[in-house]
Every structure is written in C-alpha cells, then in structure tokens.
Amino acid sequence: MRFDTEEAAAEALDREDLVLINQFMRDHPTSPESVGMYQQTPVEDIAGPVSEVPIARHRGQTFRLPTRISSIQMLCRRLDTNLHRYFILPGHTNPQPLYDLLHPVTSISDVDEVPKLYFGKIQRSFIPSPNPQPYHLRMTRLYSGPDIADFFLKQNHVEQESRGIDESKIDHYVIFWSRITPNGIGLCAEHLGWGEYALVPERYTRLLDELSES
C-alpha cells in the first residue's frame, strides 16, 4: 500500500483502510477494575504522535501522519474486518494486511529479540501454587511446534483473568505482541503490557484455524 499524496494517505486513515500503530499500551489506561470476558474496556485506542511515515510511492519521500497508541483487544474486537486492513506496527515501515503480520506460535523455533504479533491456541492454563493469590504467575500453555519442548504465555493471575484467560479457555486463541524468550527447556512470552495481549472472541476461532493452516 503506497500513496501519491499525503492527502490520499490521510483519507485511507480516515476510512480505516490503513492503521498506524505507534505502540501497544503498556499500562492500563484507567484504574484497575474487573472487566467481563469481552466487555470493552474504557480505552483501547488513543491518539499517538504525528510521525514521518515512508509510505509514499517516491523513494525517500515521507508523509507526516497521525498514529495510534492501541491495544491487541482493539484488533480482536473486529478481527474478521481487521484481518484485511493494512497496518504499520511498531518498528515496521511497510503497510501490510493484518493476516500477513500474524505469526502462529506453532512456527516458533527459537528465541527472538524482535517483538512480533503472534497468535496461539490455549492448551492449558494453571497457577503453579497450592494457594493461588492474585499476584501469582499464571502459566498459559499454547500449542507449539515440534521444534520446541513447550511454549507459555506468562503473566500474573489477576491480569490474565482480567483479559478473560483462565483454565476454562482451552482451545481458545490469544493474540499477543512480544519478544520470544527462554523458559526452562522451552520458550515463552512474558512481562507483557496491559494492551499487548488479548483473548480472541470464540466466533473468530475458525478464521485463525484457517490462518494457521495456510
């Protein structure tokens, strides 16, 4: 997706054909509170800075365009539509459709210091403590490929439950933005911000099943 003028790029932003994400939210935008499984949180997407974006057709030309500070929950709310929108994610310069930016956890084979957008299906979720407390770690295991022993999404219990993730969500998908780091003999995504992961509504399971097989 390239543009001849800054006005044309701005119009694509207005139509939401193009979304420029400056960063995903690290902190909860309001005071912490219990939210429902798919209840929209008070703020999922706010205005970010105006940035020089190299999406012009002519080499070396950039456009000054508004960006968003967003959350994965925003992507999940209308995933069927968002899969075909073009996004520029943090650290990226080329607009790509969301379906090309999503990496299946089953394709992960090693650590990766560069954050990417991943999706994975929950195999198990548990708190490794006989007396679970809100601040204890919840270990959410995702189905992984044959090249690694296991893969976990690691975040504290209360935060994962606030995103709808618990032991009842077997075979539901999660989407997350993260580096891939070691975890024992396996790998994991850990220390995620509030807006850097979300449970995908069940109605989109088939879409992600198909994407993982493509």
N, C-alpha and C. Protein backbone atom coordinates (compact mmCIF):
# COMPACT_ATOMS: atom_id res chain seq x y z
N MET A 1 0.86 -1.18 0.00
CA MET A 1 0.00 0.00 0.00
C MET A 1 0.89 1.23 0.00
N ARG A 2 0.94 1.93 -1.13
CA ARG A 2 1.73 3.15 -1.27
C ARG A 2 0.84 4.27 -1.78
N PHE A 3 1.23 5.50 -1.53
CA PHE A 3 0.36 6.64 -1.82
C PHE A 3 1.11 7.70 -2.61
N ASP A 4 0.35 8.44 -3.44
CA ASP A 4 0.92 9.53 -4.22
C ASP A 4 0.99 10.82 -3.42
N THR A 5 0.04 11.00 -2.51
CA THR A 5 0.00 12.25 -1.75
C THR A 5 -0.30 11.98 -0.27
N GLU A 6 0.06 12.95 0.54
CA GLU A 6 -0.23 12.85 1.97
C GLU A 6 -1.74 12.86 2.20
N GLU A 7 -2.47 13.59 1.37
CA GLU A 7 -3.92 13.65 1.50
C GLU A 7 -4.55 12.27 1.25
N ALA A 8 -4.04 11.56 0.27
CA ALA A 8 -4.58 10.22 -0.01
C ALA A 8 -4.31 9.27 1.16
N ALA A 9 -3.14 9.38 1.76
CA ALA A 9 -2.82 8.54 2.92
C ALA A 9 -3.72 8.89 4.10
N ALA A 10 -3.96 10.20 4.31
CA ALA A 10 -4.84 10.63 5.40
C ALA A 10 -6.26 10.14 5.19
N GLU A 11 -6.71 10.12 3.95
CA GLU A 11 -8.06 9.61 3.66
C GLU A 11 -8.15 8.12 3.96
N ALA A 12 -7.08 7.36 3.67
CA ALA A 12 -7.06 5.93 3.99
C ALA A 12 -7.12 5.72 5.49
N LEU A 13 -6.47 6.60 6.25
CA LEU A 13 -6.55 6.52 7.71
C LEU A 13 -7.98 6.81 8.17
N ASP A 14 -8.61 7.81 7.59
CA ASP A 14 -9.98 8.16 7.97
C ASP A 14 -10.94 7.02 7.68
N ARG A 15 -10.73 6.32 6.58
CA ARG A 15 -11.59 5.18 6.22
C ARG A 15 -11.24 3.92 7.01
N GLU A 16 -10.12 3.97 7.73
CA GLU A 16 -9.58 2.83 8.48
C GLU A 16 -9.12 1.70 7.55
N ASP A 17 -8.81 2.04 6.31
CA ASP A 17 -8.16 1.07 5.43
C ASP A 17 -6.71 0.89 5.85
N LEU A 18 -6.15 1.92 6.47
CA LEU A 18 -4.77 1.93 6.94
C LEU A 18 -4.77 2.34 8.41
N VAL A 19 -4.00 1.62 9.23
CA VAL A 19 -3.89 1.92 10.67
C VAL A 19 -2.42 1.98 11.03
N LEU A 20 -1.99 3.10 11.60
CA LEU A 20 -0.60 3.27 12.01
C LEU A 20 -0.54 3.16 13.53
N ILE A 21 0.09 2.11 14.04
CA ILE A 21 0.18 1.91 15.48
C ILE A 21 1.57 2.29 15.95
N ASN A 22 1.64 3.33 16.73
CA ASN A 22 2.92 3.80 17.27
C ASN A 22 3.44 2.86 18.34
N GLN A 23 2.55 2.36 19.20
CA GLN A 23 2.92 1.40 20.23
C GLN A 23 1.66 0.76 20.79
N PHE A 24 1.84 -0.40 21.43
CA PHE A 24 0.75 -1.01 22.18
C PHE A 24 0.86 -0.57 23.63
N MET A 25 -0.28 -0.36 24.26
CA MET A 25 -0.32 0.16 25.62
C MET A 25 0.40 -0.77 26.59
N ARG A 26 1.28 -0.20 27.39
CA ARG A 26 1.95 -0.97 28.43
C ARG A 26 1.13 -0.96 29.72
N ASP A 27 0.50 0.16 30.02
CA ASP A 27 -0.22 0.32 31.29
C ASP A 27 -1.72 0.41 31.04
N HIS A 28 -2.49 -0.02 32.04
CA HIS A 28 -3.94 0.12 31.99
C HIS A 28 -4.28 1.60 31.94
N PRO A 29 -5.13 2.04 31.00
CA PRO A 29 -5.39 3.47 30.86
C PRO A 29 -6.25 4.06 31.96
N THR A 30 -6.91 3.22 32.77
CA THR A 30 -7.70 3.72 33.90
C THR A 30 -7.31 2.91 35.12
N SER A 31 -7.90 3.24 36.27
CA SER A 31 -7.62 2.47 37.47
C SER A 31 -8.08 1.04 37.27
N PRO A 32 -7.30 0.03 37.75
CA PRO A 32 -7.65 -1.37 37.53
C PRO A 32 -9.04 -1.69 38.08
N GLU A 33 -9.79 -2.46 37.31
CA GLU A 33 -11.11 -2.90 37.74
C GLU A 33 -11.43 -4.19 37.02
N SER A 34 -12.32 -4.95 37.58
CA SER A 34 -12.71 -6.21 36.97
C SER A 34 -13.54 -5.93 35.72
N VAL A 35 -13.20 -6.62 34.63
CA VAL A 35 -13.96 -6.46 33.39
C VAL A 35 -14.44 -7.81 32.92
N GLY A 36 -15.52 -7.79 32.18
CA GLY A 36 -16.06 -9.03 31.63
C GLY A 36 -15.16 -9.58 30.54
N MET A 37 -15.48 -10.80 30.13
CA MET A 37 -14.61 -11.52 29.21
C MET A 37 -14.37 -10.74 27.92
N TYR A 38 -15.44 -10.22 27.31
CA TYR A 38 -15.27 -9.47 26.07
C TYR A 38 -15.81 -8.05 26.21
N GLN A 39 -16.03 -7.62 27.43
CA GLN A 39 -16.51 -6.26 27.66
C GLN A 39 -15.46 -5.27 27.21
N GLN A 40 -15.87 -4.27 26.46
CA GLN A 40 -14.91 -3.28 26.01
C GLN A 40 -14.42 -2.48 27.22
N THR A 41 -13.13 -2.32 27.30
CA THR A 41 -12.55 -1.53 28.36
C THR A 41 -12.72 -0.06 28.02
N PRO A 42 -12.62 0.84 29.01
CA PRO A 42 -12.89 2.24 28.76
C PRO A 42 -12.06 2.84 27.63
N VAL A 43 -10.81 2.46 27.51
CA VAL A 43 -9.95 3.00 26.47
C VAL A 43 -9.16 1.85 25.85
N GLU A 44 -9.28 1.66 24.55
CA GLU A 44 -8.50 0.63 23.86
C GLU A 44 -7.62 1.22 22.78
N ASP A 45 -7.81 2.50 22.49
CA ASP A 45 -7.14 3.10 21.34
C ASP A 45 -7.16 4.61 21.55
N ILE A 46 -5.99 5.23 21.60
CA ILE A 46 -5.91 6.67 21.80
C ILE A 46 -4.97 7.28 20.78
N ALA A 47 -5.05 8.60 20.62
CA ALA A 47 -4.22 9.28 19.64
C ALA A 47 -2.75 9.20 20.03
N GLY A 48 -1.92 8.88 19.07
CA GLY A 48 -0.49 8.87 19.26
C GLY A 48 0.14 10.08 18.59
N PRO A 49 1.46 10.12 18.52
CA PRO A 49 2.13 11.28 17.91
C PRO A 49 2.01 11.28 16.39
N VAL A 50 2.20 12.44 15.80
CA VAL A 50 2.33 12.54 14.35
C VAL A 50 3.74 12.10 13.99
N SER A 51 3.87 11.22 13.00
CA SER A 51 5.17 10.65 12.66
C SER A 51 5.44 10.75 11.17
N GLU A 52 6.72 10.76 10.83
CA GLU A 52 7.13 10.69 9.43
C GLU A 52 7.04 9.24 8.98
N VAL A 53 6.18 8.97 8.02
CA VAL A 53 5.92 7.59 7.60
C VAL A 53 6.34 7.42 6.14
N PRO A 54 7.25 6.48 5.84
CA PRO A 54 7.75 6.31 4.47
C PRO A 54 6.85 5.44 3.61
N ILE A 55 5.63 5.92 3.36
CA ILE A 55 4.67 5.11 2.57
C ILE A 55 4.34 5.79 1.25
N ALA A 56 5.17 6.75 0.83
CA ALA A 56 4.97 7.41 -0.46
C ALA A 56 5.49 6.51 -1.58
N ARG A 57 4.95 6.71 -2.75
CA ARG A 57 5.41 5.93 -3.91
C ARG A 57 6.83 6.30 -4.31
N HIS A 58 7.24 7.55 -4.05
CA HIS A 58 8.56 8.01 -4.48
C HIS A 58 9.59 7.74 -3.38
N ARG A 59 10.70 7.17 -3.76
CA ARG A 59 11.75 6.79 -2.83
C ARG A 59 12.24 7.99 -2.03
N GLY A 60 12.34 7.83 -0.73
CA GLY A 60 12.86 8.88 0.13
C GLY A 60 11.82 9.87 0.61
N GLN A 61 10.64 9.82 0.05
CA GLN A 61 9.59 10.75 0.46
C GLN A 61 8.80 10.16 1.64
N THR A 62 8.49 11.01 2.61
CA THR A 62 7.70 10.58 3.76
C THR A 62 6.50 11.51 3.93
N PHE A 63 5.50 11.01 4.65
CA PHE A 63 4.32 11.80 4.98
C PHE A 63 4.20 11.92 6.48
N ARG A 64 3.78 13.09 6.95
CA ARG A 64 3.53 13.28 8.38
C ARG A 64 2.08 12.91 8.66
N LEU A 65 1.90 11.81 9.42
CA LEU A 65 0.55 11.28 9.62
C LEU A 65 0.33 10.95 11.09
N PRO A 66 -0.92 11.03 11.55
CA PRO A 66 -1.22 10.69 12.94
C PRO A 66 -1.16 9.17 13.16
N THR A 67 -0.67 8.77 14.31
CA THR A 67 -0.59 7.36 14.68
C THR A 67 -1.53 7.09 15.85
N ARG A 68 -1.65 5.82 16.22
CA ARG A 68 -2.47 5.41 17.35
C ARG A 68 -1.60 4.71 18.39
N ILE A 69 -1.96 4.87 19.64
CA ILE A 69 -1.44 4.02 20.72
C ILE A 69 -2.58 3.07 21.04
N SER A 70 -2.37 1.80 20.79
CA SER A 70 -3.50 0.89 20.69
C SER A 70 -3.34 -0.31 21.62
N SER A 71 -4.30 -1.24 21.51
CA SER A 71 -4.26 -2.48 22.29
C SER A 71 -4.61 -3.64 21.38
N ILE A 72 -4.14 -4.84 21.74
CA ILE A 72 -4.49 -6.04 20.99
C ILE A 72 -6.00 -6.28 21.06
N GLN A 73 -6.62 -5.89 22.19
CA GLN A 73 -8.07 -6.05 22.32
C GLN A 73 -8.81 -5.33 21.20
N MET A 74 -8.28 -4.18 20.80
CA MET A 74 -8.89 -3.44 19.70
C MET A 74 -8.85 -4.26 18.41
N LEU A 75 -7.73 -4.93 18.15
CA LEU A 75 -7.61 -5.76 16.96
C LEU A 75 -8.59 -6.92 16.99
N CYS A 76 -8.80 -7.50 18.19
CA CYS A 76 -9.64 -8.69 18.33
C CYS A 76 -11.12 -8.39 18.20
N ARG A 77 -11.54 -7.17 18.53
CA ARG A 77 -12.97 -6.87 18.56
C ARG A 77 -13.64 -7.06 17.21
N ARG A 78 -12.94 -6.69 16.14
CA ARG A 78 -13.49 -6.86 14.78
C ARG A 78 -12.45 -7.60 13.94
N LEU A 79 -12.04 -8.74 14.43
CA LEU A 79 -10.92 -9.43 13.79
C LEU A 79 -11.22 -9.79 12.34
N ASP A 80 -12.45 -10.17 12.04
CA ASP A 80 -12.79 -10.55 10.67
C ASP A 80 -12.56 -9.40 9.70
N THR A 81 -12.86 -8.18 10.13
CA THR A 81 -12.61 -6.99 9.31
C THR A 81 -11.15 -6.57 9.36
N ASN A 82 -10.57 -6.59 10.56
CA ASN A 82 -9.20 -6.12 10.72
C ASN A 82 -8.18 -6.98 9.98
N LEU A 83 -8.47 -8.25 9.78
CA LEU A 83 -7.51 -9.12 9.08
C LEU A 83 -7.18 -8.59 7.69
N HIS A 84 -8.09 -7.84 7.09
CA HIS A 84 -7.89 -7.36 5.72
C HIS A 84 -7.53 -5.88 5.66
N ARG A 85 -7.41 -5.23 6.82
CA ARG A 85 -6.92 -3.86 6.85
C ARG A 85 -5.38 -3.87 6.82
N TYR A 86 -4.83 -2.76 6.37
CA TYR A 86 -3.37 -2.61 6.34
C TYR A 86 -2.91 -1.91 7.61
N PHE A 87 -1.85 -2.44 8.20
CA PHE A 87 -1.30 -1.90 9.44
C PHE A 87 0.19 -1.64 9.28
N ILE A 88 0.66 -0.59 9.96
CA ILE A 88 2.09 -0.43 10.22
C ILE A 88 2.25 -0.59 11.73
N LEU A 89 2.96 -1.62 12.15
CA LEU A 89 3.16 -1.92 13.56
C LEU A 89 4.45 -1.27 14.06
N PRO A 90 4.64 -1.16 15.36
CA PRO A 90 5.86 -0.56 15.90
C PRO A 90 7.12 -1.23 15.33
N GLY A 91 8.04 -0.39 14.85
CA GLY A 91 9.28 -0.91 14.29
C GLY A 91 9.18 -1.29 12.83
N HIS A 92 7.98 -1.24 12.24
CA HIS A 92 7.79 -1.58 10.84
C HIS A 92 7.67 -0.30 10.01
N THR A 93 7.95 -0.41 8.72
CA THR A 93 7.79 0.74 7.82
C THR A 93 6.84 0.44 6.68
N ASN A 94 6.60 -0.84 6.38
CA ASN A 94 5.75 -1.18 5.25
C ASN A 94 4.35 -1.54 5.70
N PRO A 95 3.32 -0.93 5.12
CA PRO A 95 1.95 -1.35 5.45
C PRO A 95 1.69 -2.76 4.92
N GLN A 96 1.15 -3.61 5.78
CA GLN A 96 0.81 -4.97 5.40
C GLN A 96 -0.55 -5.34 5.96
N PRO A 97 -1.29 -6.21 5.26
CA PRO A 97 -2.55 -6.67 5.85
C PRO A 97 -2.29 -7.45 7.12
N LEU A 98 -3.21 -7.35 8.06
CA LEU A 98 -3.00 -7.97 9.36
C LEU A 98 -2.75 -9.47 9.24
N TYR A 99 -3.40 -10.14 8.29
CA TYR A 99 -3.20 -11.59 8.18
C TYR A 99 -1.76 -11.94 7.83
N ASP A 100 -1.00 -11.01 7.22
CA ASP A 100 0.41 -11.26 6.93
C ASP A 100 1.31 -10.93 8.12
N LEU A 101 0.80 -10.17 9.07
CA LEU A 101 1.59 -9.76 10.23
C LEU A 101 1.45 -10.72 11.41
N LEU A 102 0.45 -11.60 11.37
CA LEU A 102 0.21 -12.54 12.46
C LEU A 102 1.03 -13.81 12.25
N HIS A 103 1.85 -14.15 13.26
CA HIS A 103 2.70 -15.34 13.20
C HIS A 103 2.14 -16.41 14.12
N PRO A 104 1.93 -17.65 13.64
CA PRO A 104 1.44 -18.70 14.52
C PRO A 104 2.50 -19.14 15.52
N VAL A 105 2.09 -19.38 16.76
CA VAL A 105 3.02 -19.88 17.77
C VAL A 105 3.63 -21.21 17.31
N THR A 106 2.88 -21.99 16.55
CA THR A 106 3.38 -23.28 16.08
C THR A 106 4.58 -23.15 15.15
N SER A 107 4.85 -21.94 14.65
CA SER A 107 6.01 -21.72 13.76
C SER A 107 7.25 -21.29 14.53
N ILE A 108 7.12 -21.00 15.83
CA ILE A 108 8.26 -20.52 16.63
C ILE A 108 9.23 -21.66 16.88
N SER A 109 10.52 -21.41 16.66
CA SER A 109 11.53 -22.45 16.86
C SER A 109 12.69 -22.00 17.73
N ASP A 110 12.78 -20.69 18.05
CA ASP A 110 13.93 -20.21 18.82
C ASP A 110 13.57 -18.86 19.45
N VAL A 111 14.46 -18.38 20.31
CA VAL A 111 14.27 -17.06 20.89
C VAL A 111 14.31 -16.01 19.79
N ASP A 112 13.67 -14.89 20.03
CA ASP A 112 13.63 -13.79 19.07
C ASP A 112 13.48 -12.49 19.84
N GLU A 113 14.50 -11.64 19.76
CA GLU A 113 14.50 -10.38 20.50
C GLU A 113 13.65 -9.30 19.83
N VAL A 114 13.22 -9.53 18.61
CA VAL A 114 12.40 -8.54 17.90
C VAL A 114 10.93 -8.84 18.16
N PRO A 115 10.20 -7.92 18.78
CA PRO A 115 8.77 -8.17 19.04
C PRO A 115 7.99 -8.35 17.75
N LYS A 116 7.07 -9.30 17.77
CA LYS A 116 6.19 -9.56 16.63
C LYS A 116 4.79 -9.84 17.16
N LEU A 117 3.86 -9.89 16.23
CA LEU A 117 2.48 -10.21 16.56
C LEU A 117 2.27 -11.70 16.35
N TYR A 118 1.84 -12.40 17.42
CA TYR A 118 1.67 -13.85 17.38
C TYR A 118 0.23 -14.22 17.74
N PHE A 119 -0.19 -15.40 17.27
CA PHE A 119 -1.45 -15.97 17.73
C PHE A 119 -1.24 -17.44 18.04
N GLY A 120 -1.88 -17.89 19.12
CA GLY A 120 -1.74 -19.28 19.53
C GLY A 120 -2.99 -19.77 20.24
N LYS A 121 -3.18 -21.09 20.22
CA LYS A 121 -4.34 -21.71 20.83
C LYS A 121 -3.97 -22.27 22.19
N ILE A 122 -4.84 -22.02 23.18
CA ILE A 122 -4.56 -22.43 24.57
C ILE A 122 -4.70 -23.94 24.72
N GLN A 123 -3.65 -24.55 25.26
CA GLN A 123 -3.65 -25.98 25.55
C GLN A 123 -3.97 -26.25 27.01
N ARG A 124 -3.51 -25.34 27.87
CA ARG A 124 -3.71 -25.50 29.31
C ARG A 124 -3.42 -24.16 29.98
N SER A 125 -4.05 -23.89 31.12
CA SER A 125 -3.76 -22.67 31.87
C SER A 125 -3.89 -22.99 33.36
N PHE A 126 -2.86 -22.65 34.12
CA PHE A 126 -2.86 -23.02 35.53
C PHE A 126 -1.98 -22.07 36.33
N ILE A 127 -2.17 -22.11 37.65
CA ILE A 127 -1.34 -21.34 38.58
C ILE A 127 -0.52 -22.34 39.39
N PRO A 128 0.79 -22.35 39.26
CA PRO A 128 1.62 -23.36 39.93
C PRO A 128 1.83 -23.05 41.41
N SER A 129 0.71 -23.03 42.15
CA SER A 129 0.77 -22.76 43.59
C SER A 129 -0.41 -23.46 44.25
N PRO A 130 -0.20 -24.09 45.42
CA PRO A 130 -1.31 -24.74 46.11
C PRO A 130 -2.29 -23.74 46.72
N ASN A 131 -1.85 -22.49 46.87
CA ASN A 131 -2.69 -21.45 47.45
C ASN A 131 -2.64 -20.21 46.57
N PRO A 132 -3.32 -20.22 45.41
CA PRO A 132 -3.18 -19.13 44.44
C PRO A 132 -3.58 -17.77 44.99
N GLN A 133 -2.75 -16.78 44.69
CA GLN A 133 -3.01 -15.39 45.03
C GLN A 133 -3.05 -14.57 43.74
N PRO A 134 -3.72 -13.40 43.76
CA PRO A 134 -3.82 -12.60 42.54
C PRO A 134 -2.49 -12.27 41.89
N TYR A 135 -1.44 -12.09 42.72
CA TYR A 135 -0.14 -11.71 42.17
C TYR A 135 0.69 -12.90 41.70
N HIS A 136 0.21 -14.12 41.92
CA HIS A 136 0.95 -15.30 41.46
C HIS A 136 0.92 -15.41 39.94
N LEU A 137 1.92 -16.06 39.42
CA LEU A 137 2.04 -16.23 37.98
C LEU A 137 1.03 -17.25 37.47
N ARG A 138 0.34 -16.89 36.39
CA ARG A 138 -0.48 -17.86 35.67
C ARG A 138 0.30 -18.33 34.44
N MET A 139 0.38 -19.64 34.28
CA MET A 139 1.10 -20.24 33.16
C MET A 139 0.07 -20.73 32.14
N THR A 140 0.02 -20.05 31.02
CA THR A 140 -0.92 -20.44 29.97
C THR A 140 -0.12 -21.08 28.84
N ARG A 141 -0.27 -22.39 28.72
CA ARG A 141 0.48 -23.11 27.70
C ARG A 141 -0.27 -23.06 26.37
N LEU A 142 0.46 -22.73 25.31
CA LEU A 142 -0.10 -22.67 23.97
C LEU A 142 0.45 -23.84 23.15
N TYR A 143 -0.37 -24.34 22.24
CA TYR A 143 0.11 -25.39 21.35
C TYR A 143 1.31 -24.87 20.57
N SER A 144 2.38 -25.64 20.54
CA SER A 144 3.60 -25.22 19.86
C SER A 144 4.02 -26.26 18.84
N GLY A 145 5.02 -25.91 18.03
CA GLY A 145 5.51 -26.81 17.00
C GLY A 145 6.47 -27.85 17.55
N PRO A 146 6.90 -28.77 16.71
CA PRO A 146 7.76 -29.88 17.15
C PRO A 146 9.18 -29.48 17.49
N ASP A 147 9.58 -28.25 17.14
CA ASP A 147 10.97 -27.85 17.36
C ASP A 147 11.25 -27.37 18.77
N ILE A 148 10.21 -27.17 19.59
CA ILE A 148 10.43 -26.71 20.97
C ILE A 148 9.66 -27.61 21.94
N ALA A 149 10.15 -27.65 23.19
CA ALA A 149 9.53 -28.53 24.20
C ALA A 149 8.13 -28.03 24.58
N ASP A 150 8.00 -26.72 24.80
CA ASP A 150 6.70 -26.14 25.15
C ASP A 150 6.78 -24.63 25.00
N PHE A 151 5.61 -24.00 25.03
CA PHE A 151 5.55 -22.55 24.93
C PHE A 151 4.48 -22.04 25.89
N PHE A 152 4.85 -21.03 26.70
CA PHE A 152 3.93 -20.48 27.69
C PHE A 152 3.78 -18.97 27.53
N LEU A 153 2.56 -18.50 27.74
CA LEU A 153 2.29 -17.09 27.98
C LEU A 153 2.30 -16.92 29.49
N LYS A 154 3.24 -16.11 30.00
CA LYS A 154 3.43 -15.97 31.45
C LYS A 154 3.06 -14.54 31.87
N GLN A 155 2.05 -14.46 32.73
CA GLN A 155 1.60 -13.18 33.25
C GLN A 155 0.88 -13.45 34.56
N ASN A 156 0.81 -12.48 35.45
CA ASN A 156 0.22 -12.82 36.74
C ASN A 156 -1.27 -13.15 36.62
N HIS A 157 -1.73 -13.87 37.61
CA HIS A 157 -3.06 -14.46 37.62
C HIS A 157 -4.16 -13.42 37.40
N VAL A 158 -4.14 -12.34 38.17
CA VAL A 158 -5.23 -11.36 38.10
C VAL A 158 -5.24 -10.66 36.74
N GLU A 159 -4.07 -10.41 36.17
CA GLU A 159 -4.04 -9.73 34.88
C GLU A 159 -4.56 -10.63 33.76
N GLN A 160 -4.16 -11.91 33.77
CA GLN A 160 -4.67 -12.81 32.73
C GLN A 160 -6.19 -12.98 32.87
N GLU A 161 -6.67 -13.14 34.08
CA GLU A 161 -8.12 -13.30 34.26
C GLU A 161 -8.87 -12.04 33.84
N SER A 162 -8.27 -10.87 34.02
CA SER A 162 -8.94 -9.64 33.59
C SER A 162 -9.06 -9.58 32.07
N ARG A 163 -8.23 -10.35 31.37
CA ARG A 163 -8.31 -10.44 29.92
C ARG A 163 -9.14 -11.65 29.47
N GLY A 164 -9.74 -12.35 30.45
CA GLY A 164 -10.61 -13.47 30.13
C GLY A 164 -9.89 -14.80 30.02
N ILE A 165 -8.62 -14.87 30.41
CA ILE A 165 -7.83 -16.09 30.25
C ILE A 165 -7.77 -16.86 31.56
N ASP A 166 -8.30 -18.09 31.55
CA ASP A 166 -8.22 -18.96 32.72
C ASP A 166 -8.29 -20.41 32.25
N GLU A 167 -8.41 -21.35 33.21
CA GLU A 167 -8.36 -22.77 32.88
C GLU A 167 -9.56 -23.25 32.05
N SER A 168 -10.59 -22.43 31.93
CA SER A 168 -11.77 -22.84 31.15
C SER A 168 -11.64 -22.50 29.67
N LYS A 169 -10.57 -21.83 29.27
CA LYS A 169 -10.48 -21.32 27.89
C LYS A 169 -9.62 -22.22 27.00
N ILE A 170 -9.62 -23.52 27.27
CA ILE A 170 -8.90 -24.47 26.42
C ILE A 170 -9.41 -24.36 24.98
N ASP A 171 -8.49 -24.35 24.04
CA ASP A 171 -8.76 -24.26 22.60
C ASP A 171 -9.29 -22.91 22.14
N HIS A 172 -9.21 -21.91 23.00
CA HIS A 172 -9.45 -20.53 22.57
C HIS A 172 -8.10 -19.94 22.14
N TYR A 173 -8.17 -18.95 21.25
CA TYR A 173 -6.95 -18.29 20.78
C TYR A 173 -6.62 -17.05 21.61
N VAL A 174 -5.34 -16.76 21.69
CA VAL A 174 -4.86 -15.48 22.19
C VAL A 174 -3.99 -14.86 21.10
N ILE A 175 -4.00 -13.54 21.05
CA ILE A 175 -3.08 -12.79 20.20
C ILE A 175 -2.21 -11.94 21.12
N PHE A 176 -0.93 -11.87 20.83
CA PHE A 176 -0.02 -11.09 21.69
C PHE A 176 1.12 -10.50 20.87
N TRP A 177 1.67 -9.42 21.41
CA TRP A 177 2.82 -8.71 20.83
C TRP A 177 3.97 -8.87 21.80
N SER A 178 5.04 -9.55 21.37
CA SER A 178 6.08 -9.87 22.35
C SER A 178 7.37 -10.32 21.68
N ARG A 179 8.45 -10.22 22.46
CA ARG A 179 9.68 -10.95 22.16
C ARG A 179 9.46 -12.40 22.57
N ILE A 180 10.30 -13.30 22.10
CA ILE A 180 10.27 -14.70 22.49
C ILE A 180 11.52 -14.98 23.31
N THR A 181 11.34 -15.44 24.55
CA THR A 181 12.45 -15.63 25.48
C THR A 181 12.49 -17.06 26.00
N PRO A 182 13.64 -17.48 26.56
CA PRO A 182 13.74 -18.84 27.09
C PRO A 182 12.86 -19.05 28.31
N ASN A 183 12.42 -20.29 28.50
CA ASN A 183 11.65 -20.68 29.68
C ASN A 183 11.98 -22.14 29.99
N GLY A 184 12.98 -22.36 30.85
CA GLY A 184 13.42 -23.73 31.11
C GLY A 184 13.95 -24.34 29.83
N ILE A 185 13.39 -25.50 29.45
CA ILE A 185 13.81 -26.12 28.19
C ILE A 185 12.93 -25.68 27.02
N GLY A 186 11.97 -24.79 27.30
CA GLY A 186 11.08 -24.30 26.26
C GLY A 186 11.23 -22.81 26.04
N LEU A 187 10.16 -22.19 25.55
CA LEU A 187 10.15 -20.76 25.24
C LEU A 187 8.89 -20.13 25.81
N CYS A 188 8.88 -18.80 25.86
CA CYS A 188 7.71 -18.12 26.41
C CYS A 188 7.60 -16.69 25.92
N ALA A 189 6.45 -16.09 26.19
CA ALA A 189 6.23 -14.65 26.09
C ALA A 189 5.90 -14.19 27.50
N GLU A 190 6.63 -13.20 28.01
CA GLU A 190 6.46 -12.77 29.40
C GLU A 190 6.61 -11.26 29.52
N HIS A 191 6.22 -10.74 30.70
CA HIS A 191 6.31 -9.31 31.00
C HIS A 191 5.55 -8.47 29.97
N LEU A 192 4.37 -8.93 29.59
CA LEU A 192 3.58 -8.20 28.60
C LEU A 192 2.83 -7.05 29.25
N GLY A 193 2.66 -5.98 28.50
CA GLY A 193 1.87 -4.86 28.98
C GLY A 193 0.39 -5.13 28.87
N TRP A 194 -0.40 -4.25 29.48
CA TRP A 194 -1.86 -4.42 29.51
C TRP A 194 -2.44 -4.56 28.11
N GLY A 195 -1.96 -3.78 27.18
CA GLY A 195 -2.52 -3.78 25.83
C GLY A 195 -1.80 -4.68 24.85
N GLU A 196 -0.89 -5.52 25.34
CA GLU A 196 -0.06 -6.32 24.44
C GLU A 196 -0.54 -7.76 24.27
N TYR A 197 -1.68 -8.11 24.86
CA TYR A 197 -2.24 -9.44 24.64
C TYR A 197 -3.74 -9.42 24.91
N ALA A 198 -4.46 -10.36 24.30
CA ALA A 198 -5.90 -10.44 24.49
C ALA A 198 -6.40 -11.81 24.07
N LEU A 199 -7.51 -12.21 24.68
CA LEU A 199 -8.21 -13.43 24.29
C LEU A 199 -9.09 -13.10 23.09
N VAL A 200 -9.05 -13.96 22.08
CA VAL A 200 -9.83 -13.74 20.86
C VAL A 200 -11.25 -14.26 21.08
N PRO A 201 -12.27 -13.48 20.76
CA PRO A 201 -13.65 -13.99 20.87
C PRO A 201 -13.82 -15.30 20.10
N GLU A 202 -14.59 -16.20 20.68
CA GLU A 202 -14.71 -17.56 20.14
C GLU A 202 -15.25 -17.58 18.71
N ARG A 203 -16.02 -16.58 18.34
CA ARG A 203 -16.60 -16.56 16.99
C ARG A 203 -15.53 -16.46 15.89
N TYR A 204 -14.30 -16.07 16.27
CA TYR A 204 -13.23 -15.95 15.27
C TYR A 204 -12.29 -17.15 15.27
N THR A 205 -12.61 -18.19 16.02
CA THR A 205 -11.73 -19.36 16.08
C THR A 205 -11.50 -19.95 14.70
N ARG A 206 -12.55 -20.09 13.92
CA ARG A 206 -12.40 -20.71 12.60
C ARG A 206 -11.46 -19.91 11.71
N LEU A 207 -11.54 -18.57 11.79
CA LEU A 207 -10.67 -17.73 10.97
C LEU A 207 -9.20 -18.00 11.29
N LEU A 208 -8.88 -18.10 12.59
CA LEU A 208 -7.49 -18.33 12.96
C LEU A 208 -7.06 -19.77 12.71
N ASP A 209 -8.00 -20.72 12.81
CA ASP A 209 -7.69 -22.10 12.40
C ASP A 209 -7.24 -22.12 10.95
N GLU A 210 -7.98 -21.41 10.11
CA GLU A 210 -7.65 -21.38 8.69
C GLU A 210 -6.33 -20.66 8.44
N LEU A 211 -6.09 -19.59 9.19
CA LEU A 211 -4.84 -18.85 9.02
C LEU A 211 -3.64 -19.69 9.44
N SER A 212 -3.80 -20.47 10.50
CA SER A 212 -2.68 -21.30 10.99
C SER A 212 -2.35 -22.42 10.01
N GLU A 213 -3.32 -22.81 9.19
CA GLU A 213 -3.12 -23.89 8.23
C GLU A 213 -2.64 -23.40 6.87
N SER A 214 -2.69 -22.07 6.67
CA SER A 214 -2.34 -21.54 5.35
C SER A 214 -0.83 -21.42 5.17
